[in-house]
N, C-alpha and C. Protein backbone atom coordinates (compact mmCIF):
# COMPACT_ATOMS: atom_id res chain seq x y z
N MET A 1 84.50 182.31 -4.27
CA MET A 1 85.88 181.91 -4.00
C MET A 1 86.22 182.20 -2.54
N THR A 2 86.82 181.24 -1.87
CA THR A 2 87.23 181.41 -0.47
C THR A 2 88.45 182.32 -0.40
N PRO A 3 88.38 183.42 0.36
CA PRO A 3 89.55 184.31 0.42
C PRO A 3 90.73 183.65 1.12
N VAL A 4 91.92 183.96 0.64
CA VAL A 4 93.16 183.49 1.25
C VAL A 4 93.39 184.26 2.55
N GLU A 5 93.73 183.53 3.62
CA GLU A 5 94.00 184.18 4.91
C GLU A 5 95.48 184.21 5.25
N ILE A 6 96.26 183.33 4.59
CA ILE A 6 97.70 183.32 4.85
C ILE A 6 98.46 183.09 3.57
N VAL A 7 99.55 183.85 3.42
CA VAL A 7 100.45 183.70 2.28
C VAL A 7 101.80 183.29 2.84
N ALA A 8 102.29 182.13 2.42
CA ALA A 8 103.60 181.63 2.85
C ALA A 8 104.56 181.72 1.67
N ILE A 9 105.66 182.43 1.89
CA ILE A 9 106.63 182.69 0.82
C ILE A 9 107.97 182.07 1.18
N GLY A 10 108.58 181.38 0.22
CA GLY A 10 109.90 180.81 0.42
C GLY A 10 110.87 181.28 -0.64
N ALA A 11 112.08 181.61 -0.22
CA ALA A 11 113.11 182.07 -1.14
C ALA A 11 114.48 181.69 -0.62
N SER A 12 115.42 181.56 -1.54
CA SER A 12 116.79 181.24 -1.15
C SER A 12 117.73 182.16 -1.92
N TRP A 13 118.62 181.60 -2.73
CA TRP A 13 119.63 182.37 -3.46
C TRP A 13 118.93 183.45 -4.29
N GLY A 14 119.29 184.71 -4.09
CA GLY A 14 118.68 185.82 -4.82
C GLY A 14 117.34 186.23 -4.24
N GLY A 15 116.99 185.65 -3.11
CA GLY A 15 115.65 185.82 -2.57
C GLY A 15 115.34 187.18 -1.99
N LEU A 16 116.32 187.89 -1.47
CA LEU A 16 116.02 189.19 -0.86
C LEU A 16 115.39 190.12 -1.88
N HIS A 17 115.98 190.21 -3.05
CA HIS A 17 115.42 191.07 -4.10
C HIS A 17 114.03 190.59 -4.50
N ALA A 18 113.88 189.27 -4.65
CA ALA A 18 112.59 188.72 -5.08
C ALA A 18 111.50 188.98 -4.04
N VAL A 19 111.80 188.75 -2.78
CA VAL A 19 110.82 188.99 -1.71
C VAL A 19 110.47 190.47 -1.64
N GLU A 20 111.48 191.33 -1.75
CA GLU A 20 111.22 192.78 -1.76
C GLU A 20 110.24 193.16 -2.87
N ARG A 21 110.44 192.61 -4.06
CA ARG A 21 109.58 192.95 -5.20
C ARG A 21 108.13 192.57 -4.93
N VAL A 22 107.93 191.42 -4.31
CA VAL A 22 106.56 191.00 -4.00
C VAL A 22 105.96 191.89 -2.91
N LEU A 23 106.68 192.05 -1.81
CA LEU A 23 106.13 192.80 -0.67
C LEU A 23 105.86 194.26 -0.99
N GLU A 24 106.76 194.89 -1.74
CA GLU A 24 106.59 196.33 -1.99
C GLU A 24 105.37 196.62 -2.87
N SER A 25 104.84 195.58 -3.53
CA SER A 25 103.66 195.77 -4.38
C SER A 25 102.35 195.38 -3.70
N LEU A 26 102.43 194.91 -2.45
CA LEU A 26 101.20 194.59 -1.72
C LEU A 26 100.64 195.87 -1.09
N PRO A 27 99.31 196.04 -1.11
CA PRO A 27 98.72 197.26 -0.55
C PRO A 27 98.78 197.28 0.98
N ALA A 28 98.73 198.46 1.56
CA ALA A 28 98.79 198.61 3.01
C ALA A 28 97.62 197.94 3.71
N ASP A 29 96.49 197.77 3.00
CA ASP A 29 95.32 197.14 3.61
C ASP A 29 95.15 195.68 3.16
N PHE A 30 96.25 195.04 2.80
CA PHE A 30 96.23 193.63 2.39
C PHE A 30 95.57 192.80 3.49
N ALA A 31 94.66 191.91 3.10
CA ALA A 31 93.80 191.25 4.09
C ALA A 31 94.30 189.91 4.61
N ALA A 32 95.48 189.47 4.21
CA ALA A 32 96.01 188.20 4.70
C ALA A 32 97.28 188.44 5.51
N ALA A 33 97.61 187.48 6.37
CA ALA A 33 98.91 187.47 7.03
C ALA A 33 99.94 186.90 6.06
N VAL A 34 101.18 187.33 6.18
CA VAL A 34 102.26 186.85 5.32
C VAL A 34 103.36 186.28 6.20
N VAL A 35 103.85 185.08 5.85
CA VAL A 35 104.96 184.46 6.57
C VAL A 35 106.04 184.13 5.55
N ILE A 36 107.30 184.31 5.94
CA ILE A 36 108.40 184.16 5.00
C ILE A 36 109.51 183.30 5.60
N ALA A 37 110.01 182.37 4.81
CA ALA A 37 111.24 181.65 5.13
C ALA A 37 112.25 181.99 4.05
N GLN A 38 113.32 182.66 4.45
CA GLN A 38 114.40 183.04 3.54
C GLN A 38 115.67 182.37 4.04
N HIS A 39 116.29 181.55 3.21
CA HIS A 39 117.55 180.94 3.62
C HIS A 39 118.59 182.02 3.87
N ARG A 40 119.25 181.94 5.01
CA ARG A 40 120.31 182.89 5.34
C ARG A 40 121.18 182.27 6.43
N PRO A 41 122.43 182.73 6.54
CA PRO A 41 123.32 182.16 7.55
C PRO A 41 122.82 182.43 8.96
N ALA A 42 123.14 181.52 9.88
CA ALA A 42 122.70 181.67 11.27
C ALA A 42 123.25 182.94 11.91
N ASP A 43 124.39 183.44 11.44
CA ASP A 43 125.01 184.62 12.04
C ASP A 43 124.77 185.87 11.19
N SER A 44 123.62 185.91 10.48
CA SER A 44 123.39 186.99 9.51
C SER A 44 122.96 188.31 10.14
N GLY A 45 122.96 188.39 11.42
CA GLY A 45 122.61 189.67 12.06
C GLY A 45 121.16 189.70 12.47
N HIS A 46 120.92 189.95 13.75
CA HIS A 46 119.57 189.92 14.31
C HIS A 46 118.68 190.96 13.65
N GLN A 47 117.62 190.49 13.00
CA GLN A 47 116.56 191.33 12.43
C GLN A 47 117.02 192.23 11.28
N ARG A 48 118.23 192.05 10.75
CA ARG A 48 118.66 192.90 9.64
C ARG A 48 117.75 192.71 8.43
N LEU A 49 117.40 191.46 8.12
CA LEU A 49 116.53 191.18 6.99
C LEU A 49 115.17 191.86 7.16
N THR A 50 114.60 191.76 8.36
CA THR A 50 113.28 192.36 8.58
C THR A 50 113.34 193.88 8.44
N GLN A 51 114.42 194.49 8.89
CA GLN A 51 114.55 195.94 8.77
C GLN A 51 114.62 196.37 7.31
N LEU A 52 115.35 195.60 6.51
CA LEU A 52 115.45 195.91 5.08
C LEU A 52 114.08 195.81 4.41
N LEU A 53 113.35 194.73 4.73
CA LEU A 53 112.04 194.54 4.12
C LEU A 53 111.03 195.57 4.62
N ASP A 54 111.07 195.87 5.91
CA ASP A 54 110.12 196.83 6.50
C ASP A 54 110.26 198.21 5.85
N ALA A 55 111.49 198.56 5.50
CA ALA A 55 111.73 199.86 4.88
C ALA A 55 111.20 199.94 3.44
N ARG A 56 110.92 198.77 2.85
CA ARG A 56 110.55 198.75 1.44
C ARG A 56 109.07 198.50 1.17
N CYS A 57 108.27 198.24 2.20
CA CYS A 57 106.87 197.91 1.91
C CYS A 57 105.92 198.61 2.88
N ALA A 58 104.63 198.60 2.50
CA ALA A 58 103.61 199.29 3.29
C ALA A 58 103.12 198.46 4.46
N LEU A 59 103.44 197.17 4.49
CA LEU A 59 103.01 196.29 5.57
C LEU A 59 104.04 196.32 6.70
N ALA A 60 103.60 196.00 7.91
CA ALA A 60 104.52 195.91 9.05
C ALA A 60 105.28 194.59 8.97
N VAL A 61 106.59 194.65 8.99
CA VAL A 61 107.44 193.45 8.89
C VAL A 61 108.20 193.28 10.19
N CYS A 62 108.17 192.07 10.76
CA CYS A 62 108.94 191.80 11.97
C CYS A 62 109.42 190.36 11.97
N GLU A 63 110.41 190.10 12.78
CA GLU A 63 110.91 188.74 12.95
C GLU A 63 109.93 187.99 13.84
N ALA A 64 109.57 186.79 13.42
CA ALA A 64 108.56 186.01 14.15
C ALA A 64 109.08 185.62 15.53
N GLU A 65 108.16 185.62 16.50
CA GLU A 65 108.43 185.13 17.84
C GLU A 65 107.55 183.92 18.10
N ASP A 66 108.01 183.03 18.96
CA ASP A 66 107.25 181.82 19.25
C ASP A 66 105.87 182.17 19.81
N LYS A 67 104.85 181.53 19.26
CA LYS A 67 103.44 181.71 19.65
C LYS A 67 102.88 183.08 19.30
N GLN A 68 103.53 183.79 18.38
CA GLN A 68 103.04 185.10 17.96
C GLN A 68 101.78 184.92 17.13
N ALA A 69 100.82 185.82 17.33
CA ALA A 69 99.57 185.77 16.57
C ALA A 69 99.81 186.15 15.12
N LEU A 70 99.01 185.54 14.24
CA LEU A 70 99.01 185.90 12.82
C LEU A 70 97.94 186.96 12.60
N ASP A 71 98.35 188.13 12.15
CA ASP A 71 97.41 189.23 11.92
C ASP A 71 97.42 189.63 10.46
N ALA A 72 96.25 189.92 9.92
CA ALA A 72 96.15 190.38 8.54
C ALA A 72 97.00 191.64 8.35
N GLY A 73 97.70 191.69 7.23
CA GLY A 73 98.51 192.86 6.92
C GLY A 73 99.84 192.92 7.63
N THR A 74 100.21 191.84 8.31
CA THR A 74 101.50 191.78 9.00
C THR A 74 102.37 190.70 8.35
N VAL A 75 103.66 190.97 8.25
CA VAL A 75 104.62 190.04 7.66
C VAL A 75 105.53 189.52 8.76
N LEU A 76 105.55 188.20 8.95
CA LEU A 76 106.45 187.58 9.92
C LEU A 76 107.53 186.81 9.18
N VAL A 77 108.77 187.07 9.55
CA VAL A 77 109.93 186.45 8.90
C VAL A 77 110.55 185.44 9.86
N ALA A 78 110.85 184.25 9.36
CA ALA A 78 111.49 183.24 10.18
C ALA A 78 112.86 183.75 10.63
N PRO A 79 113.16 183.68 11.94
CA PRO A 79 114.49 184.08 12.40
C PRO A 79 115.56 183.16 11.82
N ALA A 80 116.76 183.66 11.69
CA ALA A 80 117.87 182.83 11.24
C ALA A 80 118.03 181.63 12.18
N ASP A 81 118.20 180.45 11.60
CA ASP A 81 118.48 179.21 12.33
C ASP A 81 117.28 178.67 13.11
N TYR A 82 116.06 179.08 12.77
CA TYR A 82 114.84 178.53 13.37
C TYR A 82 113.86 178.14 12.26
N HIS A 83 113.22 176.99 12.41
CA HIS A 83 112.08 176.68 11.56
C HIS A 83 110.89 177.50 12.04
N LEU A 84 110.04 177.89 11.08
CA LEU A 84 108.82 178.62 11.38
C LEU A 84 107.63 177.75 10.97
N PHE A 85 106.83 177.34 11.96
CA PHE A 85 105.63 176.54 11.74
C PHE A 85 104.41 177.43 11.83
N VAL A 86 103.47 177.22 10.92
CA VAL A 86 102.19 177.93 10.98
C VAL A 86 101.19 177.04 11.70
N GLU A 87 100.53 177.62 12.71
CA GLU A 87 99.42 176.97 13.38
C GLU A 87 98.19 177.83 13.07
N HIS A 88 97.00 177.38 13.37
CA HIS A 88 95.84 178.22 13.04
C HIS A 88 95.81 179.42 13.99
N GLY A 89 96.06 180.59 13.44
CA GLY A 89 96.02 181.82 14.22
C GLY A 89 97.34 182.27 14.82
N SER A 90 98.38 181.43 14.72
CA SER A 90 99.67 181.82 15.31
C SER A 90 100.79 181.04 14.63
N VAL A 91 102.01 181.33 15.06
CA VAL A 91 103.19 180.62 14.55
C VAL A 91 103.97 180.04 15.72
N ALA A 92 104.83 179.07 15.40
CA ALA A 92 105.71 178.48 16.41
C ALA A 92 107.11 178.37 15.82
N LEU A 93 108.11 178.52 16.66
CA LEU A 93 109.50 178.38 16.25
C LEU A 93 110.03 177.04 16.74
N SER A 94 110.98 176.49 15.98
CA SER A 94 111.52 175.18 16.32
C SER A 94 113.00 175.10 15.97
N LEU A 95 113.72 174.34 16.79
CA LEU A 95 115.13 174.05 16.51
C LEU A 95 115.28 172.60 16.02
N ASP A 96 114.23 172.04 15.43
CA ASP A 96 114.35 170.72 14.82
C ASP A 96 115.49 170.73 13.81
N PRO A 97 116.03 169.56 13.48
CA PRO A 97 117.17 169.51 12.56
C PRO A 97 116.87 170.18 11.22
N PRO A 98 117.90 170.72 10.57
CA PRO A 98 117.70 171.32 9.25
C PRO A 98 117.09 170.34 8.26
N LEU A 99 116.36 170.87 7.30
CA LEU A 99 115.78 170.09 6.21
C LEU A 99 116.33 170.68 4.92
N HIS A 100 116.81 169.85 4.01
CA HIS A 100 117.51 170.34 2.80
C HIS A 100 118.68 171.23 3.21
N PHE A 101 119.34 170.86 4.31
CA PHE A 101 120.47 171.62 4.84
C PHE A 101 120.09 173.03 5.28
N SER A 102 118.81 173.26 5.50
CA SER A 102 118.35 174.62 5.80
C SER A 102 117.48 174.67 7.04
N ARG A 103 117.71 175.69 7.84
CA ARG A 103 116.85 176.05 8.95
C ARG A 103 116.90 177.57 9.04
N PRO A 104 115.85 178.25 8.60
CA PRO A 104 114.49 177.77 8.38
C PRO A 104 114.34 177.00 7.07
N SER A 105 113.43 176.05 7.10
CA SER A 105 113.09 175.27 5.92
C SER A 105 111.82 175.81 5.29
N ILE A 106 111.86 175.97 3.98
CA ILE A 106 110.67 176.43 3.25
C ILE A 106 109.61 175.34 3.25
N ASP A 107 110.03 174.08 3.13
CA ASP A 107 109.07 172.97 3.19
C ASP A 107 108.29 172.98 4.50
N VAL A 108 108.97 173.21 5.60
CA VAL A 108 108.31 173.25 6.91
C VAL A 108 107.27 174.36 6.93
N LEU A 109 107.66 175.55 6.47
CA LEU A 109 106.74 176.69 6.50
C LEU A 109 105.53 176.45 5.62
N LEU A 110 105.76 176.11 4.36
CA LEU A 110 104.64 175.94 3.43
C LEU A 110 103.76 174.76 3.82
N GLY A 111 104.38 173.64 4.18
CA GLY A 111 103.60 172.47 4.55
C GLY A 111 102.71 172.73 5.76
N SER A 112 103.24 173.42 6.75
CA SER A 112 102.43 173.70 7.94
C SER A 112 101.32 174.70 7.63
N ALA A 113 101.58 175.65 6.72
CA ALA A 113 100.53 176.60 6.31
C ALA A 113 99.39 175.85 5.62
N GLY A 114 99.75 174.90 4.77
CA GLY A 114 98.72 174.10 4.10
C GLY A 114 97.93 173.28 5.08
N ASP A 115 98.61 172.68 6.05
CA ASP A 115 97.92 171.87 7.06
C ASP A 115 96.97 172.72 7.90
N ALA A 116 97.40 173.92 8.27
CA ALA A 116 96.60 174.76 9.17
C ALA A 116 95.46 175.48 8.47
N TYR A 117 95.66 175.87 7.20
CA TYR A 117 94.68 176.74 6.55
C TYR A 117 94.02 176.14 5.30
N GLY A 118 94.50 175.02 4.79
CA GLY A 118 93.86 174.37 3.66
C GLY A 118 93.65 175.30 2.48
N GLU A 119 92.40 175.42 2.03
CA GLU A 119 92.10 176.24 0.84
C GLU A 119 92.29 177.72 1.10
N ARG A 120 92.46 178.12 2.35
CA ARG A 120 92.68 179.53 2.67
C ARG A 120 94.16 179.90 2.70
N ALA A 121 95.02 178.99 2.23
CA ALA A 121 96.46 179.23 2.18
C ALA A 121 96.92 179.42 0.74
N ALA A 122 97.90 180.29 0.57
CA ALA A 122 98.60 180.43 -0.71
C ALA A 122 100.08 180.27 -0.43
N GLY A 123 100.75 179.49 -1.25
CA GLY A 123 102.18 179.30 -1.13
C GLY A 123 102.89 179.86 -2.34
N VAL A 124 104.03 180.51 -2.10
CA VAL A 124 104.81 181.13 -3.18
C VAL A 124 106.25 180.66 -3.06
N VAL A 125 106.76 180.05 -4.14
CA VAL A 125 108.16 179.64 -4.18
C VAL A 125 108.89 180.54 -5.17
N LEU A 126 109.93 181.20 -4.67
CA LEU A 126 110.72 182.13 -5.47
C LEU A 126 112.09 181.52 -5.77
N THR A 127 112.99 182.33 -6.21
CA THR A 127 114.32 181.90 -6.64
C THR A 127 115.07 181.13 -5.56
N GLY A 128 115.90 180.18 -6.00
CA GLY A 128 116.71 179.41 -5.06
C GLY A 128 117.45 178.30 -5.77
N ALA A 129 118.46 177.74 -5.08
CA ALA A 129 119.37 176.81 -5.72
C ALA A 129 119.21 175.37 -5.25
N ASN A 130 118.10 175.03 -4.58
CA ASN A 130 117.89 173.63 -4.20
C ASN A 130 116.41 173.30 -4.35
N ALA A 131 115.98 172.19 -3.77
CA ALA A 131 114.58 171.75 -3.95
C ALA A 131 113.70 172.11 -2.75
N ASP A 132 114.21 172.87 -1.79
CA ASP A 132 113.41 173.22 -0.62
C ASP A 132 112.18 174.00 -1.08
N GLY A 133 111.03 173.65 -0.54
CA GLY A 133 109.78 174.31 -0.90
C GLY A 133 108.92 173.48 -1.83
N ALA A 134 109.50 172.54 -2.56
CA ALA A 134 108.73 171.73 -3.52
C ALA A 134 107.67 170.89 -2.80
N ALA A 135 108.09 170.17 -1.77
CA ALA A 135 107.14 169.31 -1.04
C ALA A 135 106.10 170.15 -0.29
N GLY A 136 106.52 171.26 0.29
CA GLY A 136 105.59 172.12 1.01
C GLY A 136 104.54 172.74 0.10
N LEU A 137 104.96 173.16 -1.10
CA LEU A 137 104.00 173.73 -2.04
C LEU A 137 103.01 172.67 -2.50
N ALA A 138 103.50 171.46 -2.73
CA ALA A 138 102.61 170.37 -3.12
C ALA A 138 101.59 170.09 -2.02
N ARG A 139 101.99 170.24 -0.75
CA ARG A 139 101.07 170.01 0.35
C ARG A 139 99.98 171.09 0.39
N ILE A 140 100.36 172.33 0.12
CA ILE A 140 99.35 173.40 0.05
C ILE A 140 98.35 173.09 -1.06
N ALA A 141 98.85 172.74 -2.23
CA ALA A 141 97.96 172.44 -3.36
C ALA A 141 97.08 171.23 -3.05
N GLY A 142 97.66 170.23 -2.40
CA GLY A 142 96.91 169.02 -2.07
C GLY A 142 95.80 169.25 -1.07
N ARG A 143 95.87 170.33 -0.32
CA ARG A 143 94.85 170.66 0.67
C ARG A 143 93.91 171.76 0.15
N GLY A 144 93.96 172.00 -1.15
CA GLY A 144 93.03 172.94 -1.76
C GLY A 144 93.51 174.38 -1.83
N GLY A 145 94.73 174.64 -1.37
CA GLY A 145 95.27 176.00 -1.40
C GLY A 145 95.81 176.37 -2.77
N THR A 146 96.31 177.59 -2.89
CA THR A 146 96.82 178.11 -4.15
C THR A 146 98.34 178.02 -4.18
N ALA A 147 98.86 177.42 -5.25
CA ALA A 147 100.31 177.27 -5.42
C ALA A 147 100.79 178.23 -6.51
N ILE A 148 101.80 179.02 -6.15
CA ILE A 148 102.35 180.03 -7.07
C ILE A 148 103.86 179.84 -7.13
N VAL A 149 104.40 179.87 -8.35
CA VAL A 149 105.83 179.69 -8.54
C VAL A 149 106.35 180.80 -9.44
N GLN A 150 107.46 181.41 -9.02
CA GLN A 150 108.12 182.37 -9.89
C GLN A 150 108.57 181.65 -11.16
N ASP A 151 108.35 182.26 -12.30
CA ASP A 151 108.79 181.68 -13.57
C ASP A 151 110.29 181.39 -13.47
N PRO A 152 110.69 180.11 -13.58
CA PRO A 152 112.11 179.79 -13.44
C PRO A 152 113.01 180.57 -14.40
N ASP A 153 112.48 180.94 -15.57
CA ASP A 153 113.28 181.67 -16.54
C ASP A 153 113.58 183.09 -16.09
N THR A 154 112.83 183.59 -15.09
CA THR A 154 113.07 184.95 -14.58
C THR A 154 113.77 184.94 -13.22
N ALA A 155 114.01 183.75 -12.66
CA ALA A 155 114.61 183.66 -11.33
C ALA A 155 116.13 183.76 -11.41
N GLU A 156 116.72 184.35 -10.37
CA GLU A 156 118.18 184.42 -10.32
C GLU A 156 118.78 183.02 -10.30
N ARG A 157 118.16 182.11 -9.55
CA ARG A 157 118.51 180.68 -9.60
C ARG A 157 117.22 179.91 -9.85
N ARG A 158 117.19 179.10 -10.88
CA ARG A 158 115.97 178.45 -11.33
C ARG A 158 115.68 177.12 -10.65
N GLU A 159 116.66 176.55 -9.91
CA GLU A 159 116.50 175.20 -9.38
C GLU A 159 115.28 175.07 -8.45
N MET A 160 115.09 176.02 -7.56
CA MET A 160 114.02 175.90 -6.58
C MET A 160 112.64 176.05 -7.23
N PRO A 161 112.41 177.09 -8.05
CA PRO A 161 111.11 177.14 -8.70
C PRO A 161 110.87 175.97 -9.66
N ALA A 162 111.91 175.49 -10.32
CA ALA A 162 111.74 174.35 -11.23
C ALA A 162 111.35 173.09 -10.45
N ALA A 163 111.97 172.89 -9.28
CA ALA A 163 111.62 171.73 -8.44
C ALA A 163 110.18 171.84 -7.94
N ALA A 164 109.77 173.06 -7.58
CA ALA A 164 108.40 173.27 -7.11
C ALA A 164 107.40 172.97 -8.22
N LEU A 165 107.71 173.38 -9.44
CA LEU A 165 106.84 173.10 -10.57
C LEU A 165 106.76 171.60 -10.87
N ALA A 166 107.88 170.92 -10.74
CA ALA A 166 107.88 169.47 -10.97
C ALA A 166 106.98 168.76 -9.95
N ALA A 167 106.98 169.26 -8.71
CA ALA A 167 106.16 168.65 -7.65
C ALA A 167 104.70 169.07 -7.74
N THR A 168 104.44 170.25 -8.29
CA THR A 168 103.08 170.79 -8.39
C THR A 168 102.88 171.34 -9.80
N PRO A 169 102.65 170.46 -10.77
CA PRO A 169 102.55 170.92 -12.16
C PRO A 169 101.41 171.91 -12.41
N GLY A 170 100.39 171.90 -11.56
CA GLY A 170 99.27 172.81 -11.73
C GLY A 170 99.47 174.18 -11.11
N ALA A 171 100.66 174.44 -10.55
CA ALA A 171 100.92 175.73 -9.92
C ALA A 171 100.84 176.86 -10.95
N ARG A 172 100.48 178.03 -10.47
CA ARG A 172 100.47 179.20 -11.35
C ARG A 172 101.90 179.70 -11.49
N VAL A 173 102.38 179.78 -12.71
CA VAL A 173 103.74 180.24 -12.99
C VAL A 173 103.66 181.70 -13.37
N MET A 174 104.38 182.54 -12.64
CA MET A 174 104.22 183.98 -12.82
C MET A 174 105.56 184.71 -12.82
N ALA A 175 105.59 185.80 -13.58
CA ALA A 175 106.71 186.73 -13.47
C ALA A 175 106.67 187.38 -12.10
N LEU A 176 107.82 187.69 -11.57
CA LEU A 176 107.93 188.23 -10.22
C LEU A 176 107.03 189.45 -10.02
N GLU A 177 106.99 190.33 -11.00
CA GLU A 177 106.23 191.58 -10.84
C GLU A 177 104.72 191.38 -10.86
N ASP A 178 104.25 190.19 -11.22
CA ASP A 178 102.80 189.94 -11.27
C ASP A 178 102.26 189.21 -10.04
N ILE A 179 103.14 188.73 -9.17
CA ILE A 179 102.71 187.88 -8.06
C ILE A 179 101.86 188.67 -7.05
N ALA A 180 102.26 189.87 -6.71
CA ALA A 180 101.54 190.65 -5.69
C ALA A 180 100.10 190.93 -6.12
N ALA A 181 99.89 191.22 -7.40
CA ALA A 181 98.53 191.50 -7.87
C ALA A 181 97.64 190.27 -7.71
N LEU A 182 98.19 189.08 -8.00
CA LEU A 182 97.40 187.86 -7.81
C LEU A 182 97.10 187.64 -6.34
N LEU A 183 98.10 187.84 -5.48
CA LEU A 183 97.87 187.65 -4.04
C LEU A 183 96.80 188.60 -3.53
N THR A 184 96.81 189.84 -4.00
CA THR A 184 95.80 190.81 -3.59
C THR A 184 94.41 190.39 -4.07
N GLU A 185 94.36 189.86 -5.27
CA GLU A 185 93.08 189.34 -5.80
C GLU A 185 92.58 188.18 -4.95
N LEU A 186 93.49 187.30 -4.52
CA LEU A 186 93.10 186.12 -3.75
C LEU A 186 92.70 186.47 -2.31
N ALA A 187 93.40 187.43 -1.71
CA ALA A 187 93.16 187.75 -0.30
C ALA A 187 92.20 188.92 -0.11
N GLY A 188 92.20 189.84 -1.04
CA GLY A 188 91.39 191.04 -0.90
C GLY A 188 92.06 192.07 0.01
N THR A 189 91.31 193.07 0.36
CA THR A 189 91.81 194.12 1.25
C THR A 189 90.89 194.25 2.44
N ARG A 190 91.45 194.74 3.54
CA ARG A 190 90.66 194.91 4.75
C ARG A 190 89.70 196.08 4.59
N GLN A 191 88.48 195.89 5.05
CA GLN A 191 87.48 196.95 4.98
C GLN A 191 87.52 197.76 6.28
N GLU A 192 87.49 199.06 6.12
CA GLU A 192 87.44 199.94 7.29
C GLU A 192 86.04 199.86 7.91
N THR A 193 85.98 199.84 9.23
CA THR A 193 84.70 199.86 9.90
C THR A 193 84.18 201.28 9.97
N PRO A 194 82.95 201.53 9.46
CA PRO A 194 82.43 202.91 9.49
C PRO A 194 82.27 203.39 10.94
N ARG A 195 82.52 204.67 11.14
CA ARG A 195 82.39 205.24 12.49
C ARG A 195 80.97 205.68 12.73
């Protein structure tokens, strides 16, 4: 099995709690980079979301910067009011028009991760109240990557995971508390170099 090198996560309504639950269960030596698009207001406070997440997990969490490198075990969060594109080995920020009334757009993040990493990408769609992320998750699956959807029955808002499932019927449907274990299985952990 080809190890996953990037995990792209999208969340909207109720997403902070859902993202926290996933991140706090990932090991400190998680072997993939993680990128997140969380819908939030443009004036939501510089880096407040990243500080909240950083305090809750073993991985380093920071707000993404344009052309920042993707490193295993690091979590990059799309800044408020910017799209986050995944390129091979780095990310890019964009002020392109909102998609699904959202910037950052989950479709942009997941779709670009699928384009850049193919079968080495995993996409995760969590709780939310619109269809953002459905097309992006389908693109990841269409390029051989792994599609994961929070069980709509356990989501604070079921519309977004339900739309993702409709677009990618073969996605793995999981309870929130089980997603991190699957991601760890898919990506593995970093091996220490012997001294």
